[in-house]
Amino acid sequence: MSDEKKTPRKPLNKRRLASILLLVMIVALAIGLARFVRHRLDYAVTNAVFVASDSLTEVAFDRVSGQIAELLVSEGDHVAAGQPLAQLDNSRYRLERDKAAASLQKAKETLEALKLTRKRLAEELPLATAAAHRDVVRLQRETEAARAGRTAIESRLKQARRDLQRFRNLFEQKVVPRQRLEQLEVEVDSLQAQLEAQSQKISALEAARDAARVQKRLAASREDQLLELDRKIAAADSEVARLAALLAKAEKDLASTRLVSPVSGRIAKRFVGPGASVSPGRPVYAVVDPGNLYIIALLEENKLEGIGPGSEAVIRIDAFSDRTWRGEVEQVLPASAATFALAPRDISAGEFTKVAQRIPVRIRITDGDTSLLRVGLGGEVDIRRQD
């Protein structure tokens, strides 16, 4: 009798259990929906996200062209600033450097020889000029003295000739003895010889004086030689400066045949292979600095409310689904992504379809292992709205 009374209660318990489960599911769904709605109210969520970097640097030979002789690093390698990355065949640039160095050395030797010549001439010029001037003055005085002496001899000779003529007349009158007459004749002959000797001396002195004057003019002409040497030295100095600049350029070109990394980072891409010909500016490698990565989130314009610098963000990257990164909004960029599209919208014909525009938001990564990230990886970001 008791068993018959208990049997009808089983369906009731099942219905009650089902109702409870349904109620629990409804409550859980309501809680989940509330949390979802609350999350969407508190956060701006987008999956238009990618990893970016301002330090993605394309490295190229900036001055020289040639054939790649050696590539020293591979894609993915860590490099330090200043580390060699590649080497061009530098035989042509080495030859130009050696030629410029030899030309510069020769020009320096020429300049030094000109300076030594000028120094010697400058030291000799005052001495030679002074000596020539002294010789001219001395010979001029001696010439004048010799002329005065000749004038005195001429006067004595005239007087002696007059005396001789007078004594001849007296001798014919037998007033004076022959001995006295002969003495006067000897005196006249002696004075005549002295006069001739003095004239020869004067001629010799005049010749020496003229020669001294020539030497003085030659000494003076050395000043013109100094001026000419100064012009040659200036020209040689300019040539040395020109060749020094040429050598500096050749050395810089030679050094530029070795490509070095301008920044520390990792090799993101290699653009050329060994033996390739490259020209200035053609990229050889791309280097990215892992410490300078950031996130660009393209946020619809209707989600921008409450988003600004300082807004916290949770970042998830598709390639690492089990990891999260945290960040902070640095800047909401002032133009939509469509502004810089390759084919921007043209509404001049009056056709227009309203589409929510995406505004780039730059997010600085504040927490997480950035060494795992790669430029271009996509993901999702939740940005907390500010009050």
Protein backbone atom coordinates (compact mmCIF):
# COMPACT_ATOMS: atom_id res chain seq x y z
CA MET A 1 0.00 0.00 0.00
CA SER A 2 2.88 2.25 0.82
CA ASP A 3 4.66 1.40 -2.47
CA GLU A 4 1.62 2.47 -4.51
CA LYS A 5 1.63 5.89 -2.81
CA LYS A 6 5.35 6.59 -3.52
CA THR A 7 5.37 5.73 -7.26
CA PRO A 8 3.54 8.90 -8.58
CA ARG A 9 6.14 11.26 -6.98
CA LYS A 10 8.98 10.32 -9.42
CA PRO A 11 7.79 12.38 -12.42
CA LEU A 12 7.30 15.32 -10.09
CA ASN A 13 10.93 15.15 -8.91
CA LYS A 14 12.20 14.96 -12.48
CA ARG A 15 10.16 17.97 -13.52
CA ARG A 16 11.38 19.87 -10.50
CA LEU A 17 15.00 18.97 -11.29
CA ALA A 18 14.56 20.01 -14.91
CA SER A 19 13.00 23.28 -13.78
CA ILE A 20 15.90 23.91 -11.44
CA LEU A 21 18.43 23.17 -14.16
CA LEU A 22 16.58 25.40 -16.58
CA LEU A 23 16.45 28.14 -14.01
CA VAL A 24 20.16 27.76 -13.33
CA MET A 25 20.90 27.91 -17.04
CA ILE A 26 18.73 30.99 -17.43
CA VAL A 27 20.44 32.65 -14.49
CA ALA A 28 23.89 31.69 -15.80
CA LEU A 29 22.97 32.93 -19.25
CA ALA A 30 21.62 36.13 -17.79
CA ILE A 31 24.76 36.60 -15.72
CA GLY A 32 26.94 35.86 -18.75
CA LEU A 33 24.88 38.19 -20.90
CA ALA A 34 25.05 40.87 -18.23
CA ARG A 35 28.77 40.46 -17.96
CA PHE A 36 29.10 40.57 -21.75
CA VAL A 37 26.98 43.70 -21.96
CA ARG A 38 28.84 45.22 -19.03
CA HIS A 39 32.17 44.34 -20.61
CA ARG A 40 31.08 45.90 -23.88
CA LEU A 41 29.98 49.00 -22.03
CA ASP A 42 33.22 49.22 -20.07
CA TYR A 43 35.55 48.19 -22.91
CA ALA A 44 35.93 48.95 -26.59
CA VAL A 45 36.71 45.64 -28.27
CA THR A 46 38.18 45.12 -31.73
CA ASN A 47 39.98 42.39 -33.60
CA ALA A 48 41.40 44.80 -36.19
CA VAL A 49 44.71 44.76 -34.38
CA PHE A 50 48.31 44.35 -35.51
CA VAL A 51 51.78 44.66 -34.05
CA ALA A 52 53.76 47.63 -35.41
CA SER A 53 57.10 49.32 -34.88
CA ASP A 54 58.60 52.70 -35.71
CA SER A 55 62.04 51.13 -35.71
CA LEU A 56 61.57 48.83 -38.70
CA THR A 57 64.66 50.05 -40.49
CA GLU A 58 65.62 49.15 -44.03
CA VAL A 59 69.41 49.04 -44.17
CA ALA A 60 71.15 49.89 -47.45
CA PHE A 61 74.54 50.98 -48.76
CA ASP A 62 74.16 54.76 -48.79
CA ARG A 63 77.19 55.86 -50.84
CA VAL A 64 78.51 53.05 -53.00
CA SER A 65 77.33 50.43 -55.43
CA GLY A 66 78.76 47.07 -56.35
CA GLN A 67 78.45 43.34 -56.00
CA ILE A 68 77.68 41.66 -52.69
CA ALA A 69 80.80 39.73 -51.67
CA GLU A 70 79.52 38.43 -48.34
CA LEU A 71 76.33 38.42 -46.27
CA LEU A 72 77.24 38.13 -42.60
CA VAL A 73 73.85 37.60 -40.90
CA SER A 74 70.63 35.73 -41.62
CA GLU A 75 66.96 36.43 -41.06
CA GLY A 76 66.03 36.20 -37.39
CA ASP A 77 69.55 36.90 -36.12
CA HIS A 78 70.04 39.35 -33.28
CA VAL A 79 72.33 42.24 -34.23
CA ALA A 80 73.88 45.11 -32.28
CA ALA A 81 74.19 48.69 -33.43
CA GLY A 82 77.35 49.00 -35.50
CA GLN A 83 77.58 45.26 -36.21
CA PRO A 84 78.70 44.41 -39.78
CA LEU A 85 75.91 42.96 -41.90
CA ALA A 86 77.31 42.68 -45.42
CA GLN A 87 80.43 43.37 -47.47
CA LEU A 88 80.71 44.62 -51.06
CA ASP A 89 83.55 43.73 -53.41
CA ASN A 90 85.81 46.68 -52.52
CA SER A 91 88.74 46.14 -54.91
CA ARG A 92 87.81 49.16 -57.05
CA TYR A 93 87.37 51.43 -54.03
CA ARG A 94 90.63 50.21 -52.47
CA LEU A 95 92.47 51.04 -55.72
CA GLU A 96 90.96 54.53 -55.78
CA ARG A 97 91.97 55.03 -52.14
CA ASP A 98 95.57 53.96 -52.81
CA LYS A 99 95.78 56.19 -55.90
CA ALA A 100 94.44 59.19 -53.98
CA ALA A 101 96.90 58.53 -51.13
CA ALA A 102 99.87 58.40 -53.55
CA SER A 103 98.79 61.62 -55.29
CA LEU A 104 98.40 63.37 -51.95
CA GLN A 105 101.85 62.25 -50.79
CA LYS A 106 103.45 63.55 -54.00
CA ALA A 107 101.64 66.88 -53.68
CA LYS A 108 102.80 67.21 -50.06
CA GLU A 109 106.41 66.58 -51.10
CA THR A 110 106.14 69.23 -53.83
CA LEU A 111 104.68 71.71 -51.35
CA GLU A 112 107.44 70.99 -48.83
CA ALA A 113 110.15 71.49 -51.48
CA LEU A 114 108.65 74.85 -52.48
CA LYS A 115 108.51 75.96 -48.85
CA LEU A 116 112.15 74.99 -48.27
CA THR A 117 113.22 76.87 -51.42
CA ARG A 118 111.34 79.94 -50.31
CA LYS A 119 112.80 79.75 -46.81
CA ARG A 120 116.35 79.54 -48.17
CA LEU A 121 115.74 82.37 -50.62
CA ALA A 122 114.11 84.51 -47.93
CA GLU A 123 117.13 83.97 -45.66
CA GLU A 124 119.63 84.75 -48.43
CA LEU A 125 117.82 87.76 -49.87
CA PRO A 126 118.55 90.31 -47.09
CA LEU A 127 122.20 89.26 -46.93
CA ALA A 128 122.65 89.39 -50.69
CA THR A 129 120.85 92.73 -50.97
CA ALA A 130 122.87 94.27 -48.14
CA ALA A 131 126.18 92.96 -49.55
CA ALA A 132 125.38 94.23 -53.04
CA HIS A 133 124.40 97.64 -51.63
CA ARG A 134 127.62 97.86 -49.62
CA ASP A 135 129.68 96.97 -52.69
CA VAL A 136 127.94 99.62 -54.79
CA VAL A 137 128.47 102.30 -52.13
CA ARG A 138 132.12 101.33 -51.56
CA LEU A 139 132.95 101.19 -55.27
CA GLN A 140 131.18 104.48 -55.87
CA ARG A 141 133.30 106.14 -53.18
CA GLU A 142 136.49 104.60 -54.52
CA THR A 143 135.58 105.73 -58.03
CA GLU A 144 134.93 109.26 -56.85
CA ALA A 145 138.22 109.27 -54.92
CA ALA A 146 140.06 107.95 -57.98
CA ARG A 147 138.53 110.66 -60.13
CA ALA A 148 139.59 113.27 -57.61
CA GLY A 149 143.11 111.81 -57.69
CA ARG A 150 143.14 111.91 -61.48
CA THR A 151 142.04 115.54 -61.40
CA ALA A 152 144.93 116.33 -59.07
CA ILE A 153 147.37 114.49 -61.34
CA GLU A 154 146.02 116.34 -64.37
CA SER A 155 146.57 119.66 -62.59
CA ARG A 156 150.13 118.72 -61.63
CA LEU A 157 150.75 117.47 -65.19
CA LYS A 158 149.58 120.75 -66.68
CA GLN A 159 151.80 122.69 -64.35
CA ALA A 160 154.75 120.43 -65.08
CA ARG A 161 154.25 120.84 -68.83
CA ARG A 162 154.17 124.62 -68.45
CA ASP A 163 157.34 124.49 -66.37
CA LEU A 164 158.98 122.23 -68.93
CA GLN A 165 158.14 124.60 -71.77
CA ARG A 166 159.47 127.55 -69.80
CA PHE A 167 162.68 125.75 -68.92
CA ARG A 168 163.19 124.74 -72.53
CA ASN A 169 163.10 128.40 -73.50
CA LEU A 170 165.52 129.23 -70.73
CA PHE A 171 167.75 126.32 -71.72
CA GLU A 172 167.89 127.59 -75.30
CA GLN A 173 168.96 130.91 -73.85
CA LYS A 174 171.53 128.97 -71.83
CA VAL A 175 170.09 130.33 -68.62
CA VAL A 176 169.44 126.92 -66.92
CA PRO A 177 171.49 123.75 -67.05
CA ARG A 178 170.43 120.64 -69.05
CA GLN A 179 170.13 118.61 -65.86
CA ARG A 180 167.26 120.74 -64.62
CA LEU A 181 165.49 120.40 -67.97
CA GLU A 182 165.88 116.65 -67.92
CA GLN A 183 164.44 116.50 -64.40
CA LEU A 184 161.32 118.30 -65.61
CA GLU A 185 160.99 115.97 -68.59
CA VAL A 186 161.16 112.94 -66.26
CA GLU A 187 158.57 114.51 -63.98
CA VAL A 188 156.19 115.13 -66.90
CA ASP A 189 156.59 111.54 -68.12
CA SER A 190 156.00 110.24 -64.59
CA LEU A 191 152.85 112.31 -64.17
CA GLN A 192 151.64 111.16 -67.57
CA ALA A 193 152.12 107.56 -66.54
CA GLN A 194 150.33 108.21 -63.25
CA LEU A 195 147.45 109.78 -65.14
CA GLU A 196 147.09 106.78 -67.40
CA ALA A 197 147.28 104.40 -64.45
CA GLN A 198 144.69 106.44 -62.56
CA SER A 199 142.39 106.41 -65.59
CA GLN A 200 142.73 102.62 -65.83
CA LYS A 201 141.97 102.35 -62.12
CA ILE A 202 138.87 104.49 -62.57
CA SER A 203 137.72 102.30 -65.46
CA ALA A 204 138.22 99.19 -63.36
CA LEU A 205 136.35 100.72 -60.44
CA GLU A 206 133.50 101.81 -62.68
CA ALA A 207 133.28 98.31 -64.14
CA ALA A 208 133.24 96.79 -60.65
CA ARG A 209 130.65 99.32 -59.55
CA ASP A 210 128.44 98.50 -62.55
CA ALA A 211 128.82 94.82 -61.77
CA ALA A 212 127.83 95.48 -58.16
CA ARG A 213 124.79 97.39 -59.38
CA VAL A 214 123.84 94.39 -61.51
CA GLN A 215 124.18 92.16 -58.45
CA LYS A 216 122.01 94.58 -56.51
CA ARG A 217 119.35 94.42 -59.21
CA LEU A 218 119.60 90.63 -59.21
CA ALA A 219 119.15 90.63 -55.45
CA ALA A 220 116.14 92.87 -55.83
CA SER A 221 114.77 90.53 -58.50
CA ARG A 222 114.76 87.75 -55.90
CA GLU A 223 111.84 89.51 -54.29
CA ASP A 224 109.91 88.76 -57.48
CA GLN A 225 111.10 85.17 -57.14
CA LEU A 226 109.69 85.14 -53.62
CA LEU A 227 106.34 86.41 -54.91
CA GLU A 228 106.34 83.75 -57.61
CA LEU A 229 107.17 81.10 -55.02
CA ASP A 230 104.33 82.38 -52.85
CA ARG A 231 101.94 81.91 -55.76
CA LYS A 232 103.27 78.40 -56.40
CA ILE A 233 103.00 77.54 -52.70
CA ALA A 234 99.40 78.77 -52.58
CA ALA A 235 98.55 76.68 -55.64
CA ALA A 236 100.33 73.64 -54.18
CA ASP A 237 98.54 74.13 -50.87
CA SER A 238 95.18 74.21 -52.66
CA GLU A 239 96.13 71.06 -54.53
CA VAL A 240 97.03 69.32 -51.26
CA ALA A 241 93.67 70.34 -49.78
CA ARG A 242 91.84 69.09 -52.88
CA LEU A 243 93.68 65.76 -52.85
CA ALA A 244 93.15 65.42 -49.09
CA ALA A 245 89.40 65.84 -49.62
CA LEU A 246 89.59 63.32 -52.46
CA LEU A 247 91.41 60.86 -50.20
CA ALA A 248 88.89 61.40 -47.40
CA LYS A 249 86.07 60.65 -49.84
CA ALA A 250 87.88 57.56 -51.15
CA GLU A 251 88.44 56.31 -47.59
CA LYS A 252 84.80 56.96 -46.72
CA ASP A 253 83.67 55.14 -49.86
CA LEU A 254 85.93 52.21 -48.97
CA ALA A 255 84.57 52.11 -45.42
CA SER A 256 81.04 52.30 -46.83
CA THR A 257 81.53 49.01 -48.68
CA ARG A 258 80.92 47.36 -45.29
CA LEU A 259 77.26 47.61 -44.29
CA VAL A 260 76.63 47.96 -40.55
CA SER A 261 73.43 47.93 -38.56
CA PRO A 262 72.31 51.41 -37.48
CA VAL A 263 70.28 50.00 -34.57
CA SER A 264 70.18 47.02 -32.26
CA GLY A 265 67.46 44.50 -33.01
CA ARG A 266 66.67 41.46 -35.11
CA ILE A 267 66.92 40.84 -38.83
CA ALA A 268 63.33 40.91 -40.06
CA LYS A 269 64.09 40.34 -43.75
CA ARG A 270 66.95 39.88 -46.20
CA PHE A 271 66.24 41.43 -49.60
CA VAL A 272 69.24 40.29 -51.67
CA GLY A 273 71.51 37.27 -51.92
CA PRO A 274 75.27 36.78 -52.28
CA GLY A 275 76.63 38.05 -55.59
CA ALA A 276 73.74 40.44 -56.17
CA SER A 277 74.48 43.90 -57.55
CA VAL A 278 73.19 46.72 -55.39
CA SER A 279 73.03 50.46 -55.83
CA PRO A 280 72.92 53.17 -53.15
CA GLY A 281 69.62 53.10 -51.30
CA ARG A 282 68.58 49.59 -52.33
CA PRO A 283 67.60 47.72 -49.14
CA VAL A 284 69.74 44.74 -48.18
CA TYR A 285 68.22 43.96 -44.77
CA ALA A 286 65.33 45.11 -42.61
CA VAL A 287 66.08 45.39 -38.88
CA VAL A 288 63.42 45.74 -36.21
CA ASP A 289 63.94 46.70 -32.57
CA PRO A 290 61.84 44.31 -30.40
CA GLY A 291 61.92 46.82 -27.58
CA ASN A 292 60.14 49.42 -29.68
CA LEU A 293 57.01 47.47 -30.62
CA TYR A 294 53.52 48.85 -30.12
CA ILE A 295 49.96 47.94 -31.05
CA ILE A 296 47.77 49.62 -33.63
CA ALA A 297 44.06 48.98 -33.08
CA LEU A 298 41.58 50.11 -35.73
CA LEU A 299 38.59 51.13 -33.65
CA GLU A 300 35.18 51.91 -35.15
CA GLU A 301 34.21 55.52 -34.73
CA ASN A 302 31.14 54.58 -32.65
CA LYS A 303 33.38 52.85 -30.11
CA LEU A 304 35.65 55.82 -29.42
CA GLU A 305 33.64 57.21 -26.53
CA GLY A 306 35.76 57.18 -23.37
CA ILE A 307 38.90 56.13 -25.22
CA GLY A 308 41.91 58.40 -24.89
CA PRO A 309 45.54 58.58 -23.78
CA GLY A 310 46.00 56.57 -20.59
CA SER A 311 43.19 54.08 -21.26
CA GLU A 312 44.21 50.59 -20.15
CA ALA A 313 44.18 47.77 -22.69
CA VAL A 314 44.33 43.98 -22.65
CA ILE A 315 45.99 42.56 -25.74
CA ARG A 316 45.66 39.04 -27.14
CA ILE A 317 47.68 37.88 -30.14
CA ASP A 318 46.29 35.13 -32.36
CA ALA A 319 49.65 33.35 -32.57
CA PHE A 320 49.82 33.07 -28.76
CA SER A 321 46.26 32.33 -27.65
CA ASP A 322 47.35 31.34 -24.15
CA ARG A 323 49.12 34.65 -23.45
CA THR A 324 48.00 38.20 -22.83
CA TRP A 325 49.78 41.53 -22.83
CA ARG A 326 48.79 44.72 -21.15
CA GLY A 327 49.09 48.16 -22.57
CA GLU A 328 48.07 51.78 -22.40
CA VAL A 329 46.65 54.03 -25.08
CA GLU A 330 49.28 56.56 -26.18
CA GLN A 331 47.30 58.39 -28.82
CA VAL A 332 44.11 58.31 -30.84
CA LEU A 333 45.37 59.22 -34.28
CA PRO A 334 43.72 62.22 -35.99
CA ALA A 335 42.67 60.56 -39.29
CA SER A 336 40.76 57.43 -40.22
CA ALA A 337 42.45 54.47 -41.86
CA ALA A 338 40.45 55.09 -45.05
CA THR A 339 42.08 58.51 -45.44
CA PHE A 340 45.33 56.85 -46.45
CA ALA A 341 43.87 53.97 -48.47
CA LEU A 342 45.29 53.35 -51.94
CA ALA A 343 41.82 53.98 -53.40
CA PRO A 344 40.12 56.55 -51.12
CA ARG A 345 36.39 57.06 -51.37
CA ASP A 346 35.21 59.48 -54.04
CA ILE A 347 31.89 61.07 -53.18
CA SER A 348 32.07 63.80 -55.81
CA ALA A 349 29.47 61.98 -57.95
CA GLY A 350 26.95 62.03 -55.12
CA GLU A 351 27.10 58.31 -54.42
CA PHE A 352 27.71 57.57 -50.77
CA THR A 353 27.28 54.50 -48.60
CA LYS A 354 27.64 55.16 -44.91
CA VAL A 355 30.27 52.89 -43.38
CA ALA A 356 31.61 53.12 -39.86
CA GLN A 357 35.12 54.45 -40.19
CA ARG A 358 37.98 52.89 -38.27
CA ILE A 359 40.26 55.22 -36.34
CA PRO A 360 43.82 54.03 -35.58
CA VAL A 361 44.60 53.90 -31.86
CA ARG A 362 48.23 53.54 -30.81
CA ILE A 363 48.79 51.38 -27.72
CA ARG A 364 52.04 51.16 -25.79
CA ILE A 365 52.82 47.68 -24.41
CA THR A 366 53.41 47.96 -20.66
CA ASP A 367 53.54 44.31 -19.59
CA GLY A 368 54.31 41.02 -21.32
CA ASP A 369 57.10 39.29 -23.19
CA THR A 370 57.62 41.48 -26.27
CA SER A 371 60.37 39.19 -27.56
CA LEU A 372 57.62 36.83 -28.76
CA LEU A 373 55.97 39.48 -30.89
CA ARG A 374 56.63 40.05 -34.57
CA VAL A 375 55.73 43.07 -36.65
CA GLY A 376 52.48 42.41 -38.49
CA LEU A 377 50.98 39.81 -36.11
CA GLY A 378 47.22 40.21 -35.59
CA GLY A 379 45.04 39.78 -32.54
CA GLU A 380 42.35 41.34 -30.40
CA VAL A 381 42.34 44.14 -27.88
CA ASP A 382 39.99 45.28 -25.12
CA ILE A 383 40.38 48.96 -24.26
CA ARG A 384 38.85 50.13 -20.98
CA ARG A 385 36.79 53.27 -21.29
CA GLN A 386 37.63 56.17 -19.03
CA ASP A 387 34.95 57.82 -16.89
